[in-house]
Amino acid sequence: MTQNIAVIAANGKSGQLIVREAVDRGLDVTAVVRGENKTVTQHAIIKDLFDLTAADLAGFDVVVDAFGAWTPETFPQHSTSLKHLADVLSGADARLIVVGGAGSLYVNPEHTVQLSQ
């Protein structure tokens, strides 16, 4: 049975790579994007992550969250986006996979130098 996967923030750097890999593996992939779908899959939901509903994500076996925030002003959206997705998927059978990065991790005991620096 082919798995049905949604990739949120599919137009981003990680999202595009995840979509390509999943398509290459023969999975049924839907890109979730805010604007024009720029991925290799033909299936897309064009909607902002924060506007997604349970109905939008119904029927997916796996939901991959590739959302990224890169400025101090947008960092809090990591938490709010995860809470939103957890609420939307509450009670659903879908597995939520969150893609993270190491760039913001501190590499010294004083927590003054991040890996990205």
PDB file of N, CA and C in Angstrom:
ATOM      1  N   MET A   1       0.843  -1.183   0.000  1.00  0.00           N
ATOM      2  CA  MET A   1       0.000   0.000   0.000  1.00  0.00           C
ATOM      3  C   MET A   1       0.889   1.247   0.000  1.00  0.00           C
ATOM      4  N   THR A   2       0.622   2.180  -0.895  1.00  0.00           N
ATOM      5  CA  THR A   2       1.389   3.410  -0.992  1.00  0.00           C
ATOM      6  C   THR A   2       0.994   4.366   0.119  1.00  0.00           C
ATOM      7  N   GLN A   3       1.994   4.916   0.781  1.00  0.00           N
ATOM      8  CA  GLN A   3       1.702   5.892   1.825  1.00  0.00           C
ATOM      9  C   GLN A   3       1.354   7.233   1.199  1.00  0.00           C
ATOM     10  N   ASN A   4       0.432   7.916   1.835  1.00  0.00           N
ATOM     11  CA  ASN A   4      -0.052   9.221   1.405  1.00  0.00           C
ATOM     12  C   ASN A   4       0.556  10.252   2.342  1.00  0.00           C
ATOM     13  N   ILE A   5       1.418  11.113   1.812  1.00  0.00           N
ATOM     14  CA  ILE A   5       2.203  12.035   2.626  1.00  0.00           C
ATOM     15  C   ILE A   5       1.925  13.480   2.242  1.00  0.00           C
ATOM     16  N   ALA A   6       1.793  14.337   3.256  1.00  0.00           N
ATOM     17  CA  ALA A   6       1.717  15.785   3.048  1.00  0.00           C
ATOM     18  C   ALA A   6       3.009  16.388   3.566  1.00  0.00           C
ATOM     19  N   VAL A   7       3.606  17.282   2.779  1.00  0.00           N
ATOM     20  CA  VAL A   7       4.822  17.973   3.197  1.00  0.00           C
ATOM     21  C   VAL A   7       4.489  19.456   3.316  1.00  0.00           C
ATOM     22  N   ILE A   8       4.488  19.943   4.548  1.00  0.00           N
ATOM     23  CA  ILE A   8       4.190  21.351   4.819  1.00  0.00           C
ATOM     24  C   ILE A   8       5.459  22.169   4.620  1.00  0.00           C
ATOM     25  N   ALA A   9       5.316  23.334   4.002  1.00  0.00           N
ATOM     26  CA  ALA A   9       6.433  24.207   3.628  1.00  0.00           C
ATOM     27  C   ALA A   9       7.282  23.513   2.558  1.00  0.00           C
ATOM     28  N   ALA A  10       6.600  22.887   1.623  1.00  0.00           N
ATOM     29  CA  ALA A  10       7.251  22.074   0.599  1.00  0.00           C
ATOM     30  C   ALA A  10       8.107  22.889  -0.369  1.00  0.00           C
ATOM     31  N   ASN A  11       7.867  24.174  -0.487  1.00  0.00           N
ATOM     32  CA  ASN A  11       8.669  24.989  -1.399  1.00  0.00           C
ATOM     33  C   ASN A  11      10.016  25.384  -0.810  1.00  0.00           C
ATOM     34  N   GLY A  12      10.221  25.154   0.469  1.00  0.00           N
ATOM     35  CA  GLY A  12      11.485  25.517   1.110  1.00  0.00           C
ATOM     36  C   GLY A  12      12.596  24.550   0.733  1.00  0.00           C
ATOM     37  N   LYS A  13      13.790  24.865   1.189  1.00  0.00           N
ATOM     38  CA  LYS A  13      14.960  24.052   0.853  1.00  0.00           C
ATOM     39  C   LYS A  13      14.781  22.609   1.308  1.00  0.00           C
ATOM     40  N   SER A  14      14.471  22.390   2.567  1.00  0.00           N
ATOM     41  CA  SER A  14      14.263  21.030   3.073  1.00  0.00           C
ATOM     42  C   SER A  14      13.016  20.408   2.460  1.00  0.00           C
ATOM     43  N   GLY A  15      11.956  21.183   2.392  1.00  0.00           N
ATOM     44  CA  GLY A  15      10.692  20.673   1.863  1.00  0.00           C
ATOM     45  C   GLY A  15      10.826  20.127   0.455  1.00  0.00           C
ATOM     46  N   GLN A  16      11.516  20.848  -0.405  1.00  0.00           N
ATOM     47  CA  GLN A  16      11.683  20.387  -1.786  1.00  0.00           C
ATOM     48  C   GLN A  16      12.474  19.077  -1.852  1.00  0.00           C
ATOM     49  N   LEU A  17      13.503  18.960  -1.006  1.00  0.00           N
ATOM     50  CA  LEU A  17      14.301  17.731  -0.991  1.00  0.00           C
ATOM     51  C   LEU A  17      13.479  16.551  -0.465  1.00  0.00           C
ATOM     52  N   ILE A  18      12.662  16.802   0.545  1.00  0.00           N
ATOM     53  CA  ILE A  18      11.817  15.747   1.104  1.00  0.00           C
ATOM     54  C   ILE A  18      10.789  15.295   0.073  1.00  0.00           C
ATOM     55  N   VAL A  19      10.157  16.246  -0.602  1.00  0.00           N
ATOM     56  CA  VAL A  19       9.184  15.895  -1.640  1.00  0.00           C
ATOM     57  C   VAL A  19       9.843  15.063  -2.729  1.00  0.00           C
ATOM     58  N   ARG A  20      10.992  15.495  -3.205  1.00  0.00           N
ATOM     59  CA  ARG A  20      11.685  14.763  -4.282  1.00  0.00           C
ATOM     60  C   ARG A  20      12.008  13.336  -3.839  1.00  0.00           C
ATOM     61  N   GLU A  21      12.553  13.179  -2.649  1.00  0.00           N
ATOM     62  CA  GLU A  21      12.906  11.842  -2.153  1.00  0.00           C
ATOM     63  C   GLU A  21      11.671  10.960  -2.032  1.00  0.00           C
ATOM     64  N   ALA A  22      10.594  11.509  -1.496  1.00  0.00           N
ATOM     65  CA  ALA A  22       9.358  10.728  -1.321  1.00  0.00           C
ATOM     66  C   ALA A  22       8.770  10.321  -2.676  1.00  0.00           C
ATOM     67  N   VAL A  23       8.769  11.236  -3.631  1.00  0.00           N
ATOM     68  CA  VAL A  23       8.267  10.917  -4.978  1.00  0.00           C
ATOM     69  C   VAL A  23       9.145   9.843  -5.614  1.00  0.00           C
ATOM     70  N   ASP A  24      10.466   9.995  -5.490  1.00  0.00           N
ATOM     71  CA  ASP A  24      11.395   9.007  -6.051  1.00  0.00           C
ATOM     72  C   ASP A  24      11.183   7.619  -5.451  1.00  0.00           C
ATOM     73  N   ARG A  25      10.692   7.571  -4.215  1.00  0.00           N
ATOM     74  CA  ARG A  25      10.433   6.290  -3.554  1.00  0.00           C
ATOM     75  C   ARG A  25       9.037   5.746  -3.867  1.00  0.00           C
ATOM     76  N   GLY A  26       8.301   6.463  -4.709  1.00  0.00           N
ATOM     77  CA  GLY A  26       6.996   5.976  -5.136  1.00  0.00           C
ATOM     78  C   GLY A  26       5.856   6.288  -4.185  1.00  0.00           C
ATOM     79  N   LEU A  27       6.063   7.217  -3.269  1.00  0.00           N
ATOM     80  CA  LEU A  27       5.013   7.594  -2.333  1.00  0.00           C
ATOM     81  C   LEU A  27       4.071   8.608  -2.971  1.00  0.00           C
ATOM     82  N   ASP A  28       2.855   8.660  -2.493  1.00  0.00           N
ATOM     83  CA  ASP A  28       1.865   9.635  -2.959  1.00  0.00           C
ATOM     84  C   ASP A  28       2.058  10.898  -2.136  1.00  0.00           C
ATOM     85  N   VAL A  29       2.586  11.957  -2.750  1.00  0.00           N
ATOM     86  CA  VAL A  29       3.012  13.152  -2.023  1.00  0.00           C
ATOM     87  C   VAL A  29       2.177  14.358  -2.415  1.00  0.00           C
ATOM     88  N   THR A  30       1.747  15.098  -1.401  1.00  0.00           N
ATOM     89  CA  THR A  30       1.049  16.368  -1.596  1.00  0.00           C
ATOM     90  C   THR A  30       1.888  17.469  -0.974  1.00  0.00           C
ATOM     91  N   ALA A  31       2.194  18.492  -1.758  1.00  0.00           N
ATOM     92  CA  ALA A  31       2.916  19.653  -1.253  1.00  0.00           C
ATOM     93  C   ALA A  31       1.911  20.611  -0.617  1.00  0.00           C
ATOM     94  N   VAL A  32       2.245  21.097   0.568  1.00  0.00           N
ATOM     95  CA  VAL A  32       1.445  22.134   1.213  1.00  0.00           C
ATOM     96  C   VAL A  32       2.269  23.408   1.146  1.00  0.00           C
ATOM     97  N   VAL A  33       1.769  24.367   0.362  1.00  0.00           N
ATOM     98  CA  VAL A  33       2.522  25.588   0.072  1.00  0.00           C
ATOM     99  C   VAL A  33       1.616  26.806   0.182  1.00  0.00           C
ATOM    100  N   ARG A  34       2.224  27.964   0.420  1.00  0.00           N
ATOM    101  CA  ARG A  34       1.436  29.204   0.510  1.00  0.00           C
ATOM    102  C   ARG A  34       1.103  29.786  -0.850  1.00  0.00           C
ATOM    103  N   GLY A  35       1.924  29.494  -1.835  1.00  0.00           N
ATOM    104  CA  GLY A  35       1.718  30.045  -3.173  1.00  0.00           C
ATOM    105  C   GLY A  35       1.909  28.955  -4.211  1.00  0.00           C
ATOM    106  N   GLU A  36       2.438  29.326  -5.353  1.00  0.00           N
ATOM    107  CA  GLU A  36       2.649  28.377  -6.449  1.00  0.00           C
ATOM    108  C   GLU A  36       3.492  27.183  -6.004  1.00  0.00           C
ATOM    109  N   ASN A  37       3.064  25.998  -6.374  1.00  0.00           N
ATOM    110  CA  ASN A  37       3.807  24.778  -6.056  1.00  0.00           C
ATOM    111  C   ASN A  37       5.052  24.706  -6.931  1.00  0.00           C
ATOM    112  N   LYS A  38       6.235  24.695  -6.301  1.00  0.00           N
ATOM    113  CA  LYS A  38       7.497  24.650  -7.036  1.00  0.00           C
ATOM    114  C   LYS A  38       8.199  23.304  -6.855  1.00  0.00           C
ATOM    115  N   THR A  39       7.450  22.294  -6.439  1.00  0.00           N
ATOM    116  CA  THR A  39       8.037  20.982  -6.194  1.00  0.00           C
ATOM    117  C   THR A  39       7.782  20.054  -7.373  1.00  0.00           C
ATOM    118  N   VAL A  40       8.303  18.819  -7.267  1.00  0.00           N
ATOM    119  CA  VAL A  40       8.143  17.852  -8.343  1.00  0.00           C
ATOM    120  C   VAL A  40       6.809  17.111  -8.283  1.00  0.00           C
ATOM    121  N   THR A  41       6.040  17.274  -7.232  1.00  0.00           N
ATOM    122  CA  THR A  41       4.742  16.605  -7.162  1.00  0.00           C
ATOM    123  C   THR A  41       3.661  17.461  -7.813  1.00  0.00           C
ATOM    124  N   GLN A  42       2.681  16.779  -8.367  1.00  0.00           N
ATOM    125  CA  GLN A  42       1.574  17.481  -9.022  1.00  0.00           C
ATOM    126  C   GLN A  42       0.444  17.813  -8.045  1.00  0.00           C
ATOM    127  N   HIS A  43       0.458  17.176  -6.881  1.00  0.00           N
ATOM    128  CA  HIS A  43      -0.605  17.385  -5.890  1.00  0.00           C
ATOM    129  C   HIS A  43      -0.199  18.504  -4.937  1.00  0.00           C
ATOM    130  N   ALA A  44      -1.098  19.449  -4.724  1.00  0.00           N
ATOM    131  CA  ALA A  44      -0.758  20.554  -3.826  1.00  0.00           C
ATOM    132  C   ALA A  44      -1.996  21.060  -3.097  1.00  0.00           C
ATOM    133  N   ILE A  45      -1.758  21.482  -1.867  1.00  0.00           N
ATOM    134  CA  ILE A  45      -2.726  22.259  -1.096  1.00  0.00           C
ATOM    135  C   ILE A  45      -2.100  23.632  -0.967  1.00  0.00           C
ATOM    136  N   ILE A  46      -2.767  24.626  -1.491  1.00  0.00           N
ATOM    137  CA  ILE A  46      -2.226  25.981  -1.438  1.00  0.00           C
ATOM    138  C   ILE A  46      -2.923  26.712  -0.298  1.00  0.00           C
ATOM    139  N   LYS A  47      -2.208  26.744   0.828  1.00  0.00           N
ATOM    140  CA  LYS A  47      -2.776  27.316   2.039  1.00  0.00           C
ATOM    141  C   LYS A  47      -1.654  27.561   3.037  1.00  0.00           C
ATOM    142  N   ASP A  48      -1.762  28.634   3.796  1.00  0.00           N
ATOM    143  CA  ASP A  48      -0.793  28.923   4.844  1.00  0.00           C
ATOM    144  C   ASP A  48      -0.885  27.863   5.933  1.00  0.00           C
ATOM    145  N   LEU A  49       0.231  27.462   6.482  1.00  0.00           N
ATOM    146  CA  LEU A  49       0.284  26.474   7.553  1.00  0.00           C
ATOM    147  C   LEU A  49      -0.687  26.820   8.681  1.00  0.00           C
ATOM    148  N   PHE A  50      -0.742  28.077   9.068  1.00  0.00           N
ATOM    149  CA  PHE A  50      -1.568  28.493  10.200  1.00  0.00           C
ATOM    150  C   PHE A  50      -3.062  28.493   9.876  1.00  0.00           C
ATOM    151  N   ASP A  51      -3.408  28.318   8.602  1.00  0.00           N
ATOM    152  CA  ASP A  51      -4.815  28.240   8.193  1.00  0.00           C
ATOM    153  C   ASP A  51      -5.262  26.804   7.927  1.00  0.00           C
ATOM    154  N   LEU A  52      -4.358  25.836   8.050  1.00  0.00           N
ATOM    155  CA  LEU A  52      -4.714  24.441   7.805  1.00  0.00           C
ATOM    156  C   LEU A  52      -5.726  23.958   8.831  1.00  0.00           C
ATOM    157  N   THR A  53      -6.634  23.100   8.376  1.00  0.00           N
ATOM    158  CA  THR A  53      -7.655  22.528   9.243  1.00  0.00           C
ATOM    159  C   THR A  53      -7.521  21.011   9.254  1.00  0.00           C
ATOM    160  N   ALA A  54      -8.248  20.391  10.152  1.00  0.00           N
ATOM    161  CA  ALA A  54      -8.259  18.925  10.209  1.00  0.00           C
ATOM    162  C   ALA A  54      -8.745  18.351   8.882  1.00  0.00           C
ATOM    163  N   ALA A  55      -9.707  18.999   8.266  1.00  0.00           N
ATOM    164  CA  ALA A  55     -10.223  18.521   6.978  1.00  0.00           C
ATOM    165  C   ALA A  55      -9.137  18.565   5.898  1.00  0.00           C
ATOM    166  N   ASP A  56      -8.279  19.590   5.931  1.00  0.00           N
ATOM    167  CA  ASP A  56      -7.197  19.701   4.942  1.00  0.00           C
ATOM    168  C   ASP A  56      -6.232  18.524   5.040  1.00  0.00           C
ATOM    169  N   LEU A  57      -5.987  18.056   6.263  1.00  0.00           N
ATOM    170  CA  LEU A  57      -4.982  17.016   6.474  1.00  0.00           C
ATOM    171  C   LEU A  57      -5.584  15.631   6.688  1.00  0.00           C
ATOM    172  N   ALA A  58      -6.885  15.522   6.544  1.00  0.00           N
ATOM    173  CA  ALA A  58      -7.549  14.228   6.705  1.00  0.00           C
ATOM    174  C   ALA A  58      -7.096  13.271   5.604  1.00  0.00           C
ATOM    175  N   GLY A  59      -6.865  12.038   5.968  1.00  0.00           N
ATOM    176  CA  GLY A  59      -6.527  11.012   4.984  1.00  0.00           C
ATOM    177  C   GLY A  59      -5.045  10.819   4.738  1.00  0.00           C
ATOM    178  N   PHE A  60      -4.211  11.663   5.300  1.00  0.00           N
ATOM    179  CA  PHE A  60      -2.770  11.481   5.131  1.00  0.00           C
ATOM    180  C   PHE A  60      -2.252  10.498   6.167  1.00  0.00           C
ATOM    181  N   ASP A  61      -1.342   9.624   5.750  1.00  0.00           N
ATOM    182  CA  ASP A  61      -0.696   8.702   6.674  1.00  0.00           C
ATOM    183  C   ASP A  61       0.396   9.401   7.472  1.00  0.00           C
ATOM    184  N   VAL A  62       1.072  10.325   6.806  1.00  0.00           N
ATOM    185  CA  VAL A  62       2.186  11.056   7.409  1.00  0.00           C
ATOM    186  C   VAL A  62       2.079  12.521   7.015  1.00  0.00           C
ATOM    187  N   VAL A  63       2.318  13.401   7.968  1.00  0.00           N
ATOM    188  CA  VAL A  63       2.419  14.834   7.706  1.00  0.00           C
ATOM    189  C   VAL A  63       3.825  15.246   8.129  1.00  0.00           C
ATOM    190  N   VAL A  64       4.585  15.776   7.179  1.00  0.00           N
ATOM    191  CA  VAL A  64       5.948  16.221   7.445  1.00  0.00           C
ATOM    192  C   VAL A  64       5.932  17.738   7.540  1.00  0.00           C
ATOM    193  N   ASP A  65       6.395  18.250   8.675  1.00  0.00           N
ATOM    194  CA  ASP A  65       6.458  19.696   8.898  1.00  0.00           C
ATOM    195  C   ASP A  65       7.871  20.165   8.625  1.00  0.00           C
ATOM    196  N   ALA A  66       8.077  20.817   7.476  1.00  0.00           N
ATOM    197  CA  ALA A  66       9.394  21.338   7.101  1.00  0.00           C
ATOM    198  C   ALA A  66       9.446  22.854   7.256  1.00  0.00           C
ATOM    199  N   PHE A  67       8.537  23.401   8.074  1.00  0.00           N
ATOM    200  CA  PHE A  67       8.475  24.847   8.293  1.00  0.00           C
ATOM    201  C   PHE A  67       9.754  25.346   8.957  1.00  0.00           C
ATOM    202  N   GLY A  68      10.224  26.490   8.517  1.00  0.00           N
ATOM    203  CA  GLY A  68      11.400  27.109   9.117  1.00  0.00           C
ATOM    204  C   GLY A  68      11.182  28.588   9.347  1.00  0.00           C
ATOM    205  N   ALA A  69      11.763  29.084  10.412  1.00  0.00           N
ATOM    206  CA  ALA A  69      11.747  30.521  10.719  1.00  0.00           C
ATOM    207  C   ALA A  69      13.197  30.917  10.987  1.00  0.00           C
ATOM    208  N   TRP A  70      13.621  32.005  10.372  1.00  0.00           N
ATOM    209  CA  TRP A  70      15.058  32.289  10.373  1.00  0.00           C
ATOM    210  C   TRP A  70      15.436  33.622  10.983  1.00  0.00           C
ATOM    211  N   THR A  71      14.491  34.367  11.502  1.00  0.00           N
ATOM    212  CA  THR A  71      14.824  35.659  12.108  1.00  0.00           C
ATOM    213  C   THR A  71      14.335  35.677  13.553  1.00  0.00           C
ATOM    214  N   PRO A  72      14.943  36.498  14.392  1.00  0.00           N
ATOM    215  CA  PRO A  72      14.485  36.570  15.789  1.00  0.00           C
ATOM    216  C   PRO A  72      12.994  36.895  15.910  1.00  0.00           C
ATOM    217  N   GLU A  73      12.471  37.658  14.967  1.00  0.00           N
ATOM    218  CA  GLU A  73      11.048  38.010  15.014  1.00  0.00           C
ATOM    219  C   GLU A  73      10.149  36.822  14.709  1.00  0.00           C
ATOM    220  N   THR A  74      10.630  35.904  13.879  1.00  0.00           N
ATOM    221  CA  THR A  74       9.792  34.775  13.485  1.00  0.00           C
ATOM    222  C   THR A  74      10.085  33.484  14.255  1.00  0.00           C
ATOM    223  N   PHE A  75      11.149  33.438  15.054  1.00  0.00           N
ATOM    224  CA  PHE A  75      11.477  32.227  15.817  1.00  0.00           C
ATOM    225  C   PHE A  75      10.293  31.691  16.614  1.00  0.00           C
ATOM    226  N   PRO A  76       9.485  32.544  17.262  1.00  0.00           N
ATOM    227  CA  PRO A  76       8.356  32.015  18.042  1.00  0.00           C
ATOM    228  C   PRO A  76       7.353  31.217  17.202  1.00  0.00           C
ATOM    229  N   GLN A  77       7.364  31.401  15.891  1.00  0.00           N
ATOM    230  CA  GLN A  77       6.439  30.660  15.040  1.00  0.00           C
ATOM    231  C   GLN A  77       6.729  29.163  15.023  1.00  0.00           C
ATOM    232  N   HIS A  78       7.947  28.767  15.402  1.00  0.00           N
ATOM    233  CA  HIS A  78       8.226  27.337  15.511  1.00  0.00           C
ATOM    234  C   HIS A  78       7.282  26.708  16.531  1.00  0.00           C
ATOM    235  N   SER A  79       7.162  27.333  17.669  1.00  0.00           N
ATOM    236  CA  SER A  79       6.289  26.796  18.730  1.00  0.00           C
ATOM    237  C   SER A  79       4.823  26.903  18.353  1.00  0.00           C
ATOM    238  N   THR A  80       4.421  28.047  17.835  1.00  0.00           N
ATOM    239  CA  THR A  80       3.003  28.224  17.512  1.00  0.00           C
ATOM    240  C   THR A  80       2.585  27.335  16.346  1.00  0.00           C
ATOM    241  N   SER A  81       3.474  27.109  15.390  1.00  0.00           N
ATOM    242  CA  SER A  81       3.120  26.240  14.263  1.00  0.00           C
ATOM    243  C   SER A  81       2.987  24.791  14.726  1.00  0.00           C
ATOM    244  N   LEU A  82       3.869  24.355  15.609  1.00  0.00           N
ATOM    245  CA  LEU A  82       3.786  22.985  16.116  1.00  0.00           C
ATOM    246  C   LEU A  82       2.525  22.776  16.949  1.00  0.00           C
ATOM    247  N   LYS A  83       2.187  23.761  17.760  1.00  0.00           N
ATOM    248  CA  LYS A  83       0.961  23.651  18.548  1.00  0.00           C
ATOM    249  C   LYS A  83      -0.245  23.568  17.620  1.00  0.00           C
ATOM    250  N   HIS A  84      -0.256  24.408  16.588  1.00  0.00           N
ATOM    251  CA  HIS A  84      -1.371  24.399  15.641  1.00  0.00           C
ATOM    252  C   HIS A  84      -1.495  23.040  14.961  1.00  0.00           C
ATOM    253  N   LEU A  85      -0.384  22.504  14.481  1.00  0.00           N
ATOM    254  CA  LEU A  85      -0.430  21.209  13.803  1.00  0.00           C
ATOM    255  C   LEU A  85      -0.832  20.086  14.763  1.00  0.00           C
ATOM    256  N   ALA A  86      -0.344  20.138  15.991  1.00  0.00           N
ATOM    257  CA  ALA A  86      -0.734  19.126  16.979  1.00  0.00           C
ATOM    258  C   ALA A  86      -2.235  19.198  17.241  1.00  0.00           C
ATOM    259  N   ASP A  87      -2.763  20.403  17.340  1.00  0.00           N
ATOM    260  CA  ASP A  87      -4.207  20.566  17.551  1.00  0.00           C
ATOM    261  C   ASP A  87      -4.995  20.043  16.349  1.00  0.00           C
ATOM    262  N   VAL A  88      -4.554  20.400  15.142  1.00  0.00           N
ATOM    263  CA  VAL A  88      -5.250  19.991  13.917  1.00  0.00           C
ATOM    264  C   VAL A  88      -5.233  18.471  13.760  1.00  0.00           C
ATOM    265  N   LEU A  89      -4.124  17.839  14.125  1.00  0.00           N
ATOM    266  CA  LEU A  89      -3.986  16.395  13.939  1.00  0.00           C
ATOM    267  C   LEU A  89      -4.425  15.583  15.154  1.00  0.00           C
ATOM    268  N   SER A  90      -4.842  16.261  16.208  1.00  0.00           N
ATOM    269  CA  SER A  90      -5.293  15.563  17.411  1.00  0.00           C
ATOM    270  C   SER A  90      -6.441  14.613  17.064  1.00  0.00           C
ATOM    271  N   GLY A  91      -6.283  13.369  17.433  1.00  0.00           N
ATOM    272  CA  GLY A  91      -7.314  12.378  17.147  1.00  0.00           C
ATOM    273  C   GLY A  91      -7.188  11.723  15.785  1.00  0.00           C
ATOM    274  N   ALA A  92      -6.314  12.234  14.941  1.00  0.00           N
ATOM    275  CA  ALA A  92      -6.106  11.651  13.610  1.00  0.00           C
ATOM    276  C   ALA A  92      -5.097  10.514  13.717  1.00  0.00           C
ATOM    277  N   ASP A  93      -5.107   9.640  12.733  1.00  0.00           N
ATOM    278  CA  ASP A  93      -4.161   8.524  12.709  1.00  0.00           C
ATOM    279  C   ASP A  93      -2.817   8.907  12.086  1.00  0.00           C
ATOM    280  N   ALA A  94      -2.724  10.102  11.523  1.00  0.00           N
ATOM    281  CA  ALA A  94      -1.500  10.519  10.829  1.00  0.00           C
ATOM    282  C   ALA A  94      -0.342  10.670  11.801  1.00  0.00           C
ATOM    283  N   ARG A  95       0.834  10.314  11.321  1.00  0.00           N
ATOM    284  CA  ARG A  95       2.069  10.533  12.084  1.00  0.00           C
ATOM    285  C   ARG A  95       2.609  11.905  11.691  1.00  0.00           C
ATOM    286  N   LEU A  96       2.953  12.722  12.677  1.00  0.00           N
ATOM    287  CA  LEU A  96       3.542  14.039  12.430  1.00  0.00           C
ATOM    288  C   LEU A  96       5.047  13.930  12.603  1.00  0.00           C
ATOM    289  N   ILE A  97       5.777  14.275  11.547  1.00  0.00           N
ATOM    290  CA  ILE A  97       7.237  14.290  11.580  1.00  0.00           C
ATOM    291  C   ILE A  97       7.684  15.733  11.432  1.00  0.00           C
ATOM    292  N   VAL A  98       8.525  16.191  12.356  1.00  0.00           N
ATOM    293  CA  VAL A  98       8.988  17.575  12.353  1.00  0.00           C
ATOM    294  C   VAL A  98      10.458  17.600  11.950  1.00  0.00           C
ATOM    295  N   VAL A  99      10.758  18.382  10.933  1.00  0.00           N
ATOM    296  CA  VAL A  99      12.129  18.539  10.464  1.00  0.00           C
ATOM    297  C   VAL A  99      12.758  19.669  11.266  1.00  0.00           C
ATOM    298  N   GLY A 100      13.893  19.392  11.867  1.00  0.00           N
ATOM    299  CA  GLY A 100      14.585  20.412  12.662  1.00  0.00           C
ATOM    300  C   GLY A 100      15.965  20.673  12.093  1.00  0.00           C
ATOM    301  N   GLY A 101      16.568  21.705  12.600  1.00  0.00           N
ATOM    302  CA  GLY A 101      17.912  22.055  12.174  1.00  0.00           C
ATOM    303  C   GLY A 101      18.796  22.263  13.380  1.00  0.00           C
ATOM    304  N   ALA A 102      20.077  22.191  13.156  1.00  0.00           N
ATOM    305  CA  ALA A 102      21.028  22.334  14.257  1.00  0.00           C
ATOM    306  C   ALA A 102      21.628  23.733  14.318  1.00  0.00           C
ATOM    307  N   GLY A 103      21.315  24.580  13.361  1.00  0.00           N
ATOM    308  CA  GLY A 103      21.947  25.895  13.290  1.00  0.00           C
ATOM    309  C   GLY A 103      21.761  26.760  14.513  1.00  0.00           C
ATOM    310  N   SER A 104      20.664  26.589  15.229  1.00  0.00           N
ATOM    311  CA  SER A 104      20.408  27.430  16.397  1.00  0.00           C
ATOM    312  C   SER A 104      20.899  26.805  17.701  1.00  0.00           C
ATOM    313  N   LEU A 105      21.517  25.632  17.628  1.00  0.00           N
ATOM    314  CA  LEU A 105      22.009  24.981  18.840  1.00  0.00           C
ATOM    315  C   LEU A 105      23.253  25.690  19.363  1.00  0.00           C
ATOM    316  N   TYR A 106      23.333  25.804  20.684  1.00  0.00           N
ATOM    317  CA  TYR A 106      24.507  26.409  21.306  1.00  0.00           C
ATOM    318  C   TYR A 106      25.636  25.389  21.369  1.00  0.00           C
ATOM    319  N   VAL A 107      26.853  25.848  21.115  1.00  0.00           N
ATOM    320  CA  VAL A 107      28.001  24.954  21.076  1.00  0.00           C
ATOM    321  C   VAL A 107      28.992  25.229  22.208  1.00  0.00           C
ATOM    322  N   ASN A 108      28.619  26.115  23.112  1.00  0.00           N
ATOM    323  CA  ASN A 108      29.485  26.360  24.263  1.00  0.00           C
ATOM    324  C   ASN A 108      28.648  26.369  25.547  1.00  0.00           C
ATOM    325  N   PRO A 109      29.273  26.110  26.690  1.00  0.00           N
ATOM    326  CA  PRO A 109      28.526  26.027  27.948  1.00  0.00           C
ATOM    327  C   PRO A 109      27.834  27.329  28.350  1.00  0.00           C
ATOM    328  N   GLU A 110      28.351  28.457  27.900  1.00  0.00           N
ATOM    329  CA  GLU A 110      27.759  29.760  28.250  1.00  0.00           C
ATOM    330  C   GLU A 110      26.526  30.110  27.406  1.00  0.00           C
ATOM    331  N   HIS A 111      26.273  29.340  26.389  1.00  0.00           N
ATOM    332  CA  HIS A 111      25.138  29.581  25.471  1.00  0.00           C
ATOM    333  C   HIS A 111      25.239  30.954  24.802  1.00  0.00           C
ATOM    334  N   THR A 112      26.416  31.236  24.306  1.00  0.00           N
ATOM    335  CA  THR A 112      26.628  32.516  23.614  1.00  0.00           C
ATOM    336  C   THR A 112      27.010  32.323  22.144  1.00  0.00           C
ATOM    337  N   VAL A 113      27.405  31.098  21.755  1.00  0.00           N
ATOM    338  CA  VAL A 113      27.813  30.839  20.370  1.00  0.00           C
ATOM    339  C   VAL A 113      26.943  29.712  19.823  1.00  0.00           C
ATOM    340  N   GLN A 114      26.297  30.011  18.689  1.00  0.00           N
ATOM    341  CA  GLN A 114      25.451  29.017  18.044  1.00  0.00           C
ATOM    342  C   GLN A 114      26.200  28.354  16.894  1.00  0.00           C
ATOM    343  N   LEU A 115      25.789  27.147  16.545  1.00  0.00           N
ATOM    344  CA  LEU A 115      26.408  26.393  15.478  1.00  0.00           C
ATOM    345  C   LEU A 115      26.447  27.186  14.172  1.00  0.00           C
ATOM    346  N   SER A 116      25.393  27.940  13.896  1.00  0.00           N
ATOM    347  CA  SER A 116      25.332  28.705  12.648  1.00  0.00           C
ATOM    348  C   SER A 116      26.371  29.823  12.588  1.00  0.00           C
ATOM    349  N   GLN A 117      26.915  30.186  13.739  1.00  0.00           N
ATOM    350  CA  GLN A 117      27.925  31.253  13.765  1.00  0.00           C
ATOM    351  C   GLN A 117      29.302  30.671  13.473  1.00  0.00           C
TER     352      GLN A 117
END
